[in-house]
Amino acid sequence: MECFSCHSADFKTNDFLVPELSEGYFGGGNKPLNEEGKVMPTPNLTPDKATGIGNWSEEKFVKALKSGIKDGEAALRYPMKPYPELTDKEAAAIYKYLMSIPSISNKVERNLTPQ
C-alpha cells in the first residue's frame, strides 16, 4: 500500500527500490498537502512509545485504519483515507509489521488546523 511514502521523512529522500532505506522510515514528518493545498504533517508510525504508535493496541490500530476513527475522533486526514476494504487480518498484519520496525523518536505535532 506504499504507506512509507507519506509516513517517512520526505518524499525527496524515499527509496522506492529499498523502502527501508528511506530517510526516517515510517517516522513521520513528511508534508503532503490536503485538498486546500495546506501542509498536513504525517504521524510517526514506528513503535516508539513516546512519539509513535508504540502504545496503541492492535484493536485500536485496526479500527483507526479501517474506519478512520480513534478514541471517538478522526484518526485520519486527507490525503489518508480509511481502508474499510481491508480484512481485520490484513489490517492486523500491517500493525504487526509496524511493531517490528526500528523505533524512531520523532514527535510530529498533529495540527487539526492545516498550515
PDB file of N, CA and C in Angstrom:
ATOM      1  N   MET A   1       0.812  -1.191   0.000  1.00  0.00           N
ATOM      2  CA  MET A   1       0.000   0.000   0.000  1.00  0.00           C
ATOM      3  C   MET A   1       0.857   1.258   0.000  1.00  0.00           C
ATOM      4  N   GLU A   2       2.165   1.085   0.090  1.00  0.00           N
ATOM      5  CA  GLU A   2       3.123   2.194  -0.011  1.00  0.00           C
ATOM      6  C   GLU A   2       2.956   3.240   1.097  1.00  0.00           C
ATOM      7  N   CYS A   3       2.569   2.828   2.284  1.00  0.00           N
ATOM      8  CA  CYS A   3       2.381   3.743   3.420  1.00  0.00           C
ATOM      9  C   CYS A   3       3.656   4.520   3.741  1.00  0.00           C
ATOM     10  N   PHE A   4       4.799   3.868   3.581  1.00  0.00           N
ATOM     11  CA  PHE A   4       6.078   4.509   3.910  1.00  0.00           C
ATOM     12  C   PHE A   4       6.280   5.801   3.145  1.00  0.00           C
ATOM     13  N   SER A   5       5.705   5.880   1.943  1.00  0.00           N
ATOM     14  CA  SER A   5       5.936   7.031   1.083  1.00  0.00           C
ATOM     15  C   SER A   5       5.549   8.340   1.766  1.00  0.00           C
ATOM     16  N   CYS A   6       4.401   8.361   2.407  1.00  0.00           N
ATOM     17  CA  CYS A   6       3.969   9.563   3.130  1.00  0.00           C
ATOM     18  C   CYS A   6       4.474   9.587   4.567  1.00  0.00           C
ATOM     19  N   HIS A   7       4.603   8.421   5.174  1.00  0.00           N
ATOM     20  CA  HIS A   7       4.930   8.368   6.608  1.00  0.00           C
ATOM     21  C   HIS A   7       6.427   8.309   6.905  1.00  0.00           C
ATOM     22  N   SER A   8       7.258   8.597   5.917  1.00  0.00           N
ATOM     23  CA  SER A   8       8.696   8.741   6.153  1.00  0.00           C
ATOM     24  C   SER A   8       9.027  10.231   6.164  1.00  0.00           C
ATOM     25  N   ALA A   9      10.296  10.579   6.222  1.00  0.00           N
ATOM     26  CA  ALA A   9      10.701  11.970   6.457  1.00  0.00           C
ATOM     27  C   ALA A   9      10.343  12.938   5.330  1.00  0.00           C
ATOM     28  N   ASP A  10      10.547  12.510   4.070  1.00  0.00           N
ATOM     29  CA  ASP A  10      10.360  13.452   2.974  1.00  0.00           C
ATOM     30  C   ASP A  10      10.233  12.673   1.676  1.00  0.00           C
ATOM     31  N   PHE A  11       9.338  13.098   0.814  1.00  0.00           N
ATOM     32  CA  PHE A  11       9.193  12.437  -0.485  1.00  0.00           C
ATOM     33  C   PHE A  11      10.512  12.400  -1.240  1.00  0.00           C
ATOM     34  N   LYS A  12      11.333  13.450  -1.094  1.00  0.00           N
ATOM     35  CA  LYS A  12      12.591  13.553  -1.843  1.00  0.00           C
ATOM     36  C   LYS A  12      13.622  12.516  -1.413  1.00  0.00           C
ATOM     37  N   THR A  13      13.507  11.978  -0.200  1.00  0.00           N
ATOM     38  CA  THR A  13      14.506  11.018   0.282  1.00  0.00           C
ATOM     39  C   THR A  13      13.960   9.596   0.357  1.00  0.00           C
ATOM     40  N   ASN A  14      12.783   9.356  -0.206  1.00  0.00           N
ATOM     41  CA  ASN A  14      12.240   7.998  -0.229  1.00  0.00           C
ATOM     42  C   ASN A  14      13.021   7.133  -1.207  1.00  0.00           C
ATOM     43  N   ASP A  15      13.246   5.901  -0.813  1.00  0.00           N
ATOM     44  CA  ASP A  15      13.915   4.920  -1.670  1.00  0.00           C
ATOM     45  C   ASP A  15      12.849   3.905  -2.080  1.00  0.00           C
ATOM     46  N   PHE A  16      12.362   4.027  -3.299  1.00  0.00           N
ATOM     47  CA  PHE A  16      11.274   3.169  -3.751  1.00  0.00           C
ATOM     48  C   PHE A  16      11.737   1.760  -4.115  1.00  0.00           C
ATOM     49  N   LEU A  17      13.036   1.566  -4.292  1.00  0.00           N
ATOM     50  CA  LEU A  17      13.555   0.229  -4.568  1.00  0.00           C
ATOM     51  C   LEU A  17      13.800  -0.547  -3.274  1.00  0.00           C
ATOM     52  N   VAL A  18      14.283   0.157  -2.248  1.00  0.00           N
ATOM     53  CA  VAL A  18      14.505  -0.452  -0.930  1.00  0.00           C
ATOM     54  C   VAL A  18      13.885   0.512   0.100  1.00  0.00           C
ATOM     55  N   PRO A  19      12.564   0.421   0.289  1.00  0.00           N
ATOM     56  CA  PRO A  19      11.880   1.387   1.148  1.00  0.00           C
ATOM     57  C   PRO A  19      12.484   1.551   2.539  1.00  0.00           C
ATOM     58  N   GLU A  20      13.017   0.471   3.108  1.00  0.00           N
ATOM     59  CA  GLU A  20      13.595   0.533   4.454  1.00  0.00           C
ATOM     60  C   GLU A  20      14.779   1.494   4.531  1.00  0.00           C
ATOM     61  N   LEU A  21      15.353   1.849   3.393  1.00  0.00           N
ATOM     62  CA  LEU A  21      16.467   2.791   3.357  1.00  0.00           C
ATOM     63  C   LEU A  21      16.005   4.245   3.231  1.00  0.00           C
ATOM     64  N   SER A  22      14.703   4.456   3.186  1.00  0.00           N
ATOM     65  CA  SER A  22      14.178   5.816   3.114  1.00  0.00           C
ATOM     66  C   SER A  22      14.502   6.546   4.411  1.00  0.00           C
ATOM     67  N   GLU A  23      14.873   7.808   4.298  1.00  0.00           N
ATOM     68  CA  GLU A  23      15.162   8.615   5.479  1.00  0.00           C
ATOM     69  C   GLU A  23      13.922   8.661   6.377  1.00  0.00           C
ATOM     70  N   GLY A  24      14.128   8.386   7.665  1.00  0.00           N
ATOM     71  CA  GLY A  24      13.026   8.449   8.619  1.00  0.00           C
ATOM     72  C   GLY A  24      11.921   7.453   8.336  1.00  0.00           C
ATOM     73  N   TYR A  25      12.278   6.252   7.912  1.00  0.00           N
ATOM     74  CA  TYR A  25      11.331   5.211   7.509  1.00  0.00           C
ATOM     75  C   TYR A  25      10.208   5.047   8.535  1.00  0.00           C
ATOM     76  N   PHE A  26       9.023   5.445   8.173  1.00  0.00           N
ATOM     77  CA  PHE A  26       7.801   5.402   8.976  1.00  0.00           C
ATOM     78  C   PHE A  26       7.836   6.325  10.191  1.00  0.00           C
ATOM     79  N   GLY A  27       8.844   7.184  10.281  1.00  0.00           N
ATOM     80  CA  GLY A  27       8.953   8.092  11.424  1.00  0.00           C
ATOM     81  C   GLY A  27       8.129   9.357  11.298  1.00  0.00           C
ATOM     82  N   GLY A  28       7.439   9.533  10.182  1.00  0.00           N
ATOM     83  CA  GLY A  28       6.557  10.678  10.006  1.00  0.00           C
ATOM     84  C   GLY A  28       7.296  11.980   9.751  1.00  0.00           C
ATOM     85  N   GLY A  29       6.518  13.039   9.656  1.00  0.00           N
ATOM     86  CA  GLY A  29       7.078  14.367   9.436  1.00  0.00           C
ATOM     87  C   GLY A  29       7.043  14.834   7.997  1.00  0.00           C
ATOM     88  N   ASN A  30       6.690  13.938   7.073  1.00  0.00           N
ATOM     89  CA  ASN A  30       6.561  14.345   5.685  1.00  0.00           C
ATOM     90  C   ASN A  30       5.416  15.349   5.587  1.00  0.00           C
ATOM     91  N   LYS A  31       5.351  16.091   4.510  1.00  0.00           N
ATOM     92  CA  LYS A  31       4.406  17.198   4.426  1.00  0.00           C
ATOM     93  C   LYS A  31       3.517  17.147   3.179  1.00  0.00           C
ATOM     94  N   PRO A  32       2.647  16.138   3.089  1.00  0.00           N
ATOM     95  CA  PRO A  32       1.704  16.147   1.969  1.00  0.00           C
ATOM     96  C   PRO A  32       0.698  17.286   2.152  1.00  0.00           C
ATOM     97  N   LEU A  33       0.001  17.593   1.098  1.00  0.00           N
ATOM     98  CA  LEU A  33      -0.969  18.685   1.133  1.00  0.00           C
ATOM     99  C   LEU A  33      -2.393  18.143   1.187  1.00  0.00           C
ATOM    100  N   ASN A  34      -3.263  18.890   1.852  1.00  0.00           N
ATOM    101  CA  ASN A  34      -4.662  18.500   1.882  1.00  0.00           C
ATOM    102  C   ASN A  34      -5.373  19.062   0.652  1.00  0.00           C
ATOM    103  N   GLU A  35      -6.695  18.960   0.634  1.00  0.00           N
ATOM    104  CA  GLU A  35      -7.456  19.392  -0.544  1.00  0.00           C
ATOM    105  C   GLU A  35      -7.350  20.888  -0.821  1.00  0.00           C
ATOM    106  N   GLU A  36      -7.040  21.668   0.217  1.00  0.00           N
ATOM    107  CA  GLU A  36      -6.887  23.115   0.049  1.00  0.00           C
ATOM    108  C   GLU A  36      -5.435  23.525  -0.187  1.00  0.00           C
ATOM    109  N   GLY A  37      -4.536  22.547  -0.293  1.00  0.00           N
ATOM    110  CA  GLY A  37      -3.138  22.842  -0.523  1.00  0.00           C
ATOM    111  C   GLY A  37      -2.369  23.196   0.739  1.00  0.00           C
ATOM    112  N   LYS A  38      -2.943  22.894   1.895  1.00  0.00           N
ATOM    113  CA  LYS A  38      -2.292  23.171   3.178  1.00  0.00           C
ATOM    114  C   LYS A  38      -1.480  21.963   3.619  1.00  0.00           C
ATOM    115  N   VAL A  39      -0.357  22.198   4.293  1.00  0.00           N
ATOM    116  CA  VAL A  39       0.523  21.129   4.772  1.00  0.00           C
ATOM    117  C   VAL A  39      -0.153  20.357   5.903  1.00  0.00           C
ATOM    118  N   MET A  40      -0.110  19.036   5.802  1.00  0.00           N
ATOM    119  CA  MET A  40      -0.664  18.142   6.819  1.00  0.00           C
ATOM    120  C   MET A  40       0.445  17.157   7.225  1.00  0.00           C
ATOM    121  N   PRO A  41       1.283  17.487   8.213  1.00  0.00           N
ATOM    122  CA  PRO A  41       2.399  16.612   8.585  1.00  0.00           C
ATOM    123  C   PRO A  41       1.924  15.194   8.934  1.00  0.00           C
ATOM    124  N   THR A  42       2.670  14.220   8.448  1.00  0.00           N
ATOM    125  CA  THR A  42       2.282  12.830   8.679  1.00  0.00           C
ATOM    126  C   THR A  42       2.793  12.334  10.024  1.00  0.00           C
ATOM    127  N   PRO A  43       2.018  11.486  10.696  1.00  0.00           N
ATOM    128  CA  PRO A  43       2.431  10.988  12.006  1.00  0.00           C
ATOM    129  C   PRO A  43       3.497   9.897  11.930  1.00  0.00           C
ATOM    130  N   ASN A  44       4.154   9.736  13.051  1.00  0.00           N
ATOM    131  CA  ASN A  44       5.159   8.700  13.259  1.00  0.00           C
ATOM    132  C   ASN A  44       4.429   7.372  13.469  1.00  0.00           C
ATOM    133  N   LEU A  45       4.686   6.399  12.619  1.00  0.00           N
ATOM    134  CA  LEU A  45       4.050   5.087  12.745  1.00  0.00           C
ATOM    135  C   LEU A  45       5.003   4.023  13.259  1.00  0.00           C
ATOM    136  N   THR A  46       6.140   4.438  13.804  1.00  0.00           N
ATOM    137  CA  THR A  46       7.068   3.451  14.376  1.00  0.00           C
ATOM    138  C   THR A  46       6.585   3.064  15.768  1.00  0.00           C
ATOM    139  N   PRO A  47       7.139   1.997  16.332  1.00  0.00           N
ATOM    140  CA  PRO A  47       6.699   1.556  17.662  1.00  0.00           C
ATOM    141  C   PRO A  47       7.245   2.385  18.820  1.00  0.00           C
ATOM    142  N   ASP A  48       7.746   3.583  18.546  1.00  0.00           N
ATOM    143  CA  ASP A  48       8.215   4.449  19.622  1.00  0.00           C
ATOM    144  C   ASP A  48       7.033   4.773  20.540  1.00  0.00           C
ATOM    145  N   LYS A  49       7.201   4.514  21.845  1.00  0.00           N
ATOM    146  CA  LYS A  49       6.103   4.695  22.789  1.00  0.00           C
ATOM    147  C   LYS A  49       5.794   6.160  23.073  1.00  0.00           C
ATOM    148  N   ALA A  50       6.771   7.034  22.956  1.00  0.00           N
ATOM    149  CA  ALA A  50       6.547   8.448  23.264  1.00  0.00           C
ATOM    150  C   ALA A  50       6.035   9.241  22.068  1.00  0.00           C
ATOM    151  N   THR A  51       6.498   8.912  20.862  1.00  0.00           N
ATOM    152  CA  THR A  51       6.157   9.747  19.705  1.00  0.00           C
ATOM    153  C   THR A  51       5.513   8.979  18.553  1.00  0.00           C
ATOM    154  N   GLY A  52       5.433   7.673  18.676  1.00  0.00           N
ATOM    155  CA  GLY A  52       4.853   6.850  17.615  1.00  0.00           C
ATOM    156  C   GLY A  52       3.596   6.144  18.084  1.00  0.00           C
ATOM    157  N   ILE A  53       3.387   4.939  17.574  1.00  0.00           N
ATOM    158  CA  ILE A  53       2.180   4.176  17.920  1.00  0.00           C
ATOM    159  C   ILE A  53       2.503   3.007  18.846  1.00  0.00           C
ATOM    160  N   GLY A  54       3.616   3.095  19.543  1.00  0.00           N
ATOM    161  CA  GLY A  54       4.038   2.011  20.424  1.00  0.00           C
ATOM    162  C   GLY A  54       3.086   1.679  21.551  1.00  0.00           C
ATOM    163  N   ASN A  55       2.224   2.606  21.924  1.00  0.00           N
ATOM    164  CA  ASN A  55       1.244   2.347  22.980  1.00  0.00           C
ATOM    165  C   ASN A  55      -0.130   1.966  22.435  1.00  0.00           C
ATOM    166  N   TRP A  56      -0.245   1.904  21.135  1.00  0.00           N
ATOM    167  CA  TRP A  56      -1.531   1.539  20.531  1.00  0.00           C
ATOM    168  C   TRP A  56      -1.726   0.029  20.611  1.00  0.00           C
ATOM    169  N   SER A  57      -2.938  -0.393  20.849  1.00  0.00           N
ATOM    170  CA  SER A  57      -3.264  -1.816  20.775  1.00  0.00           C
ATOM    171  C   SER A  57      -3.525  -2.170  19.310  1.00  0.00           C
ATOM    172  N   GLU A  58      -3.438  -3.441  19.027  1.00  0.00           N
ATOM    173  CA  GLU A  58      -3.754  -3.899  17.671  1.00  0.00           C
ATOM    174  C   GLU A  58      -5.191  -3.524  17.320  1.00  0.00           C
ATOM    175  N   GLU A  59      -6.095  -3.704  18.255  1.00  0.00           N
ATOM    176  CA  GLU A  59      -7.502  -3.398  18.022  1.00  0.00           C
ATOM    177  C   GLU A  59      -7.704  -1.912  17.683  1.00  0.00           C
ATOM    178  N   LYS A  60      -7.035  -1.036  18.413  1.00  0.00           N
ATOM    179  CA  LYS A  60      -7.145   0.406  18.173  1.00  0.00           C
ATOM    180  C   LYS A  60      -6.610   0.759  16.779  1.00  0.00           C
ATOM    181  N   PHE A  61      -5.481   0.163  16.406  1.00  0.00           N
ATOM    182  CA  PHE A  61      -4.884   0.432  15.096  1.00  0.00           C
ATOM    183  C   PHE A  61      -5.804  -0.050  13.979  1.00  0.00           C
ATOM    184  N   VAL A  62      -6.314  -1.268  14.103  1.00  0.00           N
ATOM    185  CA  VAL A  62      -7.190  -1.839  13.072  1.00  0.00           C
ATOM    186  C   VAL A  62      -8.420  -0.955  12.890  1.00  0.00           C
ATOM    187  N   LYS A  63      -9.013  -0.533  13.994  1.00  0.00           N
ATOM    188  CA  LYS A  63     -10.201   0.329  13.910  1.00  0.00           C
ATOM    189  C   LYS A  63      -9.858   1.654  13.234  1.00  0.00           C
ATOM    190  N   ALA A  64      -8.739   2.263  13.611  1.00  0.00           N
ATOM    191  CA  ALA A  64      -8.345   3.542  13.012  1.00  0.00           C
ATOM    192  C   ALA A  64      -8.095   3.395  11.521  1.00  0.00           C
ATOM    193  N   LEU A  65      -7.404   2.346  11.123  1.00  0.00           N
ATOM    194  CA  LEU A  65      -7.069   2.137   9.722  1.00  0.00           C
ATOM    195  C   LEU A  65      -8.310   1.859   8.879  1.00  0.00           C
ATOM    196  N   LYS A  66      -9.214   1.063   9.413  1.00  0.00           N
ATOM    197  CA  LYS A  66     -10.389   0.670   8.642  1.00  0.00           C
ATOM    198  C   LYS A  66     -11.528   1.690   8.690  1.00  0.00           C
ATOM    199  N   SER A  67     -11.699   2.367   9.823  1.00  0.00           N
ATOM    200  CA  SER A  67     -12.836   3.276   9.960  1.00  0.00           C
ATOM    201  C   SER A  67     -12.449   4.748   9.958  1.00  0.00           C
ATOM    202  N   GLY A  68     -11.168   5.027  10.240  1.00  0.00           N
ATOM    203  CA  GLY A  68     -10.735   6.411  10.332  1.00  0.00           C
ATOM    204  C   GLY A  68     -11.023   7.041  11.686  1.00  0.00           C
ATOM    205  N   ILE A  69     -11.458   6.237  12.671  1.00  0.00           N
ATOM    206  CA  ILE A  69     -11.824   6.746  13.998  1.00  0.00           C
ATOM    207  C   ILE A  69     -10.864   6.196  15.052  1.00  0.00           C
ATOM    208  N   LYS A  70     -10.429   7.092  15.966  1.00  0.00           N
ATOM    209  CA  LYS A  70      -9.565   6.710  17.085  1.00  0.00           C
ATOM    210  C   LYS A  70     -10.074   7.426  18.320  1.00  0.00           C
ATOM    211  N   ASP A  71     -10.412   6.666  19.338  1.00  0.00           N
ATOM    212  CA  ASP A  71     -10.878   7.241  20.600  1.00  0.00           C
ATOM    213  C   ASP A  71     -11.992   8.270  20.387  1.00  0.00           C
ATOM    214  N   GLY A  72     -12.918   7.967  19.490  1.00  0.00           N
ATOM    215  CA  GLY A  72     -14.072   8.822  19.265  1.00  0.00           C
ATOM    216  C   GLY A  72     -13.822  10.058  18.421  1.00  0.00           C
ATOM    217  N   GLU A  73     -12.622  10.195  17.846  1.00  0.00           N
ATOM    218  CA  GLU A  73     -12.346  11.344  16.982  1.00  0.00           C
ATOM    219  C   GLU A  73     -11.694  10.872  15.696  1.00  0.00           C
ATOM    220  N   ALA A  74     -11.584  11.773  14.755  1.00  0.00           N
ATOM    221  CA  ALA A  74     -10.979  11.430  13.473  1.00  0.00           C
ATOM    222  C   ALA A  74      -9.517  11.038  13.671  1.00  0.00           C
ATOM    223  N   ALA A  75      -9.144   9.894  13.131  1.00  0.00           N
ATOM    224  CA  ALA A  75      -7.760   9.421  13.212  1.00  0.00           C
ATOM    225  C   ALA A  75      -7.003   9.715  11.929  1.00  0.00           C
ATOM    226  N   LEU A  76      -7.711   9.859  10.844  1.00  0.00           N
ATOM    227  CA  LEU A  76      -7.090  10.043   9.533  1.00  0.00           C
ATOM    228  C   LEU A  76      -7.524  11.378   8.945  1.00  0.00           C
ATOM    229  N   ARG A  77      -6.608  11.960   8.166  1.00  0.00           N
ATOM    230  CA  ARG A  77      -6.891  13.218   7.479  1.00  0.00           C
ATOM    231  C   ARG A  77      -6.448  13.082   6.033  1.00  0.00           C
ATOM    232  N   TYR A  78      -7.159  13.748   5.146  1.00  0.00           N
ATOM    233  CA  TYR A  78      -6.775  13.735   3.741  1.00  0.00           C
ATOM    234  C   TYR A  78      -5.317  14.175   3.622  1.00  0.00           C
ATOM    235  N   PRO A  79      -4.508  13.498   2.840  1.00  0.00           N
ATOM    236  CA  PRO A  79      -4.858  12.565   1.783  1.00  0.00           C
ATOM    237  C   PRO A  79      -5.048  11.118   2.236  1.00  0.00           C
ATOM    238  N   MET A  80      -4.864  10.843   3.516  1.00  0.00           N
ATOM    239  CA  MET A  80      -5.101   9.484   4.032  1.00  0.00           C
ATOM    240  C   MET A  80      -6.599   9.240   4.098  1.00  0.00           C
ATOM    241  N   LYS A  81      -6.993   8.066   3.728  1.00  0.00           N
ATOM    242  CA  LYS A  81      -8.403   7.700   3.781  1.00  0.00           C
ATOM    243  C   LYS A  81      -8.551   6.393   4.542  1.00  0.00           C
ATOM    244  N   PRO A  82      -9.734   6.134   5.101  1.00  0.00           N
ATOM    245  CA  PRO A  82      -9.960   4.840   5.742  1.00  0.00           C
ATOM    246  C   PRO A  82      -9.902   3.716   4.703  1.00  0.00           C
ATOM    247  N   TYR A  83      -9.564   2.540   5.163  1.00  0.00           N
ATOM    248  CA  TYR A  83      -9.489   1.365   4.294  1.00  0.00           C
ATOM    249  C   TYR A  83     -10.452   0.290   4.785  1.00  0.00           C
ATOM    250  N   PRO A  84     -11.774   0.495   4.657  1.00  0.00           N
ATOM    251  CA  PRO A  84     -12.735  -0.499   5.136  1.00  0.00           C
ATOM    252  C   PRO A  84     -12.674  -1.804   4.355  1.00  0.00           C
ATOM    253  N   GLU A  85     -12.072  -1.770   3.165  1.00  0.00           N
ATOM    254  CA  GLU A  85     -11.991  -2.979   2.352  1.00  0.00           C
ATOM    255  C   GLU A  85     -10.957  -3.978   2.877  1.00  0.00           C
ATOM    256  N   LEU A  86     -10.088  -3.531   3.779  1.00  0.00           N
ATOM    257  CA  LEU A  86      -9.123  -4.456   4.388  1.00  0.00           C
ATOM    258  C   LEU A  86      -9.846  -5.390   5.350  1.00  0.00           C
ATOM    259  N   THR A  87      -9.417  -6.624   5.397  1.00  0.00           N
ATOM    260  CA  THR A  87      -9.950  -7.512   6.432  1.00  0.00           C
ATOM    261  C   THR A  87      -9.248  -7.170   7.745  1.00  0.00           C
ATOM    262  N   ASP A  88      -9.827  -7.615   8.850  1.00  0.00           N
ATOM    263  CA  ASP A  88      -9.168  -7.399  10.141  1.00  0.00           C
ATOM    264  C   ASP A  88      -7.793  -8.060  10.145  1.00  0.00           C
ATOM    265  N   LYS A  89      -7.698  -9.213   9.510  1.00  0.00           N
ATOM    266  CA  LYS A  89      -6.417  -9.932   9.453  1.00  0.00           C
ATOM    267  C   LYS A  89      -5.374  -9.133   8.677  1.00  0.00           C
ATOM    268  N   GLU A  90      -5.762  -8.533   7.571  1.00  0.00           N
ATOM    269  CA  GLU A  90      -4.829  -7.720   6.783  1.00  0.00           C
ATOM    270  C   GLU A  90      -4.380  -6.485   7.559  1.00  0.00           C
ATOM    271  N   ALA A  91      -5.335  -5.792   8.187  1.00  0.00           N
ATOM    272  CA  ALA A  91      -5.003  -4.599   8.967  1.00  0.00           C
ATOM    273  C   ALA A  91      -4.114  -4.964  10.159  1.00  0.00           C
ATOM    274  N   ALA A  92      -4.385  -6.109  10.786  1.00  0.00           N
ATOM    275  CA  ALA A  92      -3.563  -6.568  11.912  1.00  0.00           C
ATOM    276  C   ALA A  92      -2.153  -6.902  11.442  1.00  0.00           C
ATOM    277  N   ALA A  93      -2.024  -7.422  10.226  1.00  0.00           N
ATOM    278  CA  ALA A  93      -0.689  -7.726   9.686  1.00  0.00           C
ATOM    279  C   ALA A  93       0.117  -6.439   9.491  1.00  0.00           C
ATOM    280  N   ILE A  94      -0.528  -5.370   9.072  1.00  0.00           N
ATOM    281  CA  ILE A  94       0.154  -4.074   8.936  1.00  0.00           C
ATOM    282  C   ILE A  94       0.623  -3.604  10.308  1.00  0.00           C
ATOM    283  N   TYR A  95      -0.238  -3.709  11.303  1.00  0.00           N
ATOM    284  CA  TYR A  95       0.125  -3.328  12.681  1.00  0.00           C
ATOM    285  C   TYR A  95       1.334  -4.140  13.152  1.00  0.00           C
ATOM    286  N   LYS A  96       1.291  -5.442  12.944  1.00  0.00           N
ATOM    287  CA  LYS A  96       2.394  -6.305  13.396  1.00  0.00           C
ATOM    288  C   LYS A  96       3.695  -5.933  12.691  1.00  0.00           C
ATOM    289  N   TYR A  97       3.610  -5.607  11.419  1.00  0.00           N
ATOM    290  CA  TYR A  97       4.812  -5.177  10.701  1.00  0.00           C
ATOM    291  C   TYR A  97       5.348  -3.880  11.311  1.00  0.00           C
ATOM    292  N   LEU A  98       4.485  -2.907  11.506  1.00  0.00           N
ATOM    293  CA  LEU A  98       4.931  -1.625  12.069  1.00  0.00           C
ATOM    294  C   LEU A  98       5.544  -1.812  13.459  1.00  0.00           C
ATOM    295  N   MET A  99       5.039  -2.755  14.223  1.00  0.00           N
ATOM    296  CA  MET A  99       5.601  -3.013  15.553  1.00  0.00           C
ATOM    297  C   MET A  99       6.968  -3.699  15.472  1.00  0.00           C
ATOM    298  N   SER A 100       7.323  -4.204  14.296  1.00  0.00           N
ATOM    299  CA  SER A 100       8.592  -4.920  14.135  1.00  0.00           C
ATOM    300  C   SER A 100       9.728  -4.039  13.606  1.00  0.00           C
ATOM    301  N   ILE A 101       9.406  -2.827  13.151  1.00  0.00           N
ATOM    302  CA  ILE A 101      10.452  -1.966  12.583  1.00  0.00           C
ATOM    303  C   ILE A 101      11.133  -1.166  13.686  1.00  0.00           C
ATOM    304  N   PRO A 102      12.319  -0.628  13.434  1.00  0.00           N
ATOM    305  CA  PRO A 102      13.004   0.157  14.462  1.00  0.00           C
ATOM    306  C   PRO A 102      12.207   1.401  14.853  1.00  0.00           C
ATOM    307  N   SER A 103      12.206   1.681  16.151  1.00  0.00           N
ATOM    308  CA  SER A 103      11.557   2.888  16.659  1.00  0.00           C
ATOM    309  C   SER A 103      12.351   4.121  16.259  1.00  0.00           C
ATOM    310  N   ILE A 104      11.638   5.177  15.965  1.00  0.00           N
ATOM    311  CA  ILE A 104      12.252   6.478  15.706  1.00  0.00           C
ATOM    312  C   ILE A 104      11.574   7.469  16.638  1.00  0.00           C
ATOM    313  N   SER A 105      12.368   8.186  17.395  1.00  0.00           N
ATOM    314  CA  SER A 105      11.809   9.231  18.246  1.00  0.00           C
ATOM    315  C   SER A 105      11.671  10.490  17.402  1.00  0.00           C
ATOM    316  N   ASN A 106      10.444  10.776  17.001  1.00  0.00           N
ATOM    317  CA  ASN A 106      10.174  11.946  16.169  1.00  0.00           C
ATOM    318  C   ASN A 106       8.767  12.424  16.472  1.00  0.00           C
ATOM    319  N   LYS A 107       8.659  13.417  17.332  1.00  0.00           N
ATOM    320  CA  LYS A 107       7.348  13.953  17.687  1.00  0.00           C
ATOM    321  C   LYS A 107       6.858  14.841  16.558  1.00  0.00           C
ATOM    322  N   VAL A 108       5.722  14.489  16.029  1.00  0.00           N
ATOM    323  CA  VAL A 108       5.092  15.267  14.966  1.00  0.00           C
ATOM    324  C   VAL A 108       3.805  15.832  15.558  1.00  0.00           C
ATOM    325  N   GLU A 109       3.748  17.142  15.621  1.00  0.00           N
ATOM    326  CA  GLU A 109       2.535  17.784  16.147  1.00  0.00           C
ATOM    327  C   GLU A 109       1.383  17.525  15.199  1.00  0.00           C
ATOM    328  N   ARG A 110       0.322  17.045  15.765  1.00  0.00           N
ATOM    329  CA  ARG A 110      -0.891  16.798  14.969  1.00  0.00           C
ATOM    330  C   ARG A 110      -1.697  18.080  14.947  1.00  0.00           C
ATOM    331  N   ASN A 111      -1.526  18.828  13.903  1.00  0.00           N
ATOM    332  CA  ASN A 111      -2.285  20.072  13.806  1.00  0.00           C
ATOM    333  C   ASN A 111      -3.631  19.782  13.183  1.00  0.00           C
ATOM    334  N   LEU A 112      -4.667  20.072  13.924  1.00  0.00           N
ATOM    335  CA  LEU A 112      -6.005  19.871  13.391  1.00  0.00           C
ATOM    336  C   LEU A 112      -6.394  21.018  12.469  1.00  0.00           C
ATOM    337  N   THR A 113      -5.660  22.111  12.571  1.00  0.00           N
ATOM    338  CA  THR A 113      -5.836  23.225  11.655  1.00  0.00           C
ATOM    339  C   THR A 113      -4.645  23.195  10.702  1.00  0.00           C
ATOM    340  N   PRO A 114      -4.862  22.880   9.447  1.00  0.00           N
ATOM    341  CA  PRO A 114      -3.748  22.777   8.496  1.00  0.00           C
ATOM    342  C   PRO A 114      -2.935  24.064   8.411  1.00  0.00           C
ATOM    343  N   GLN A 115      -1.641  23.907   8.121  1.00  0.00           N
ATOM    344  CA  GLN A 115      -0.741  25.049   7.966  1.00  0.00           C
ATOM    345  C   GLN A 115      -0.893  25.671   6.595  1.00  0.00           C
TER     346      GLN A 115
END
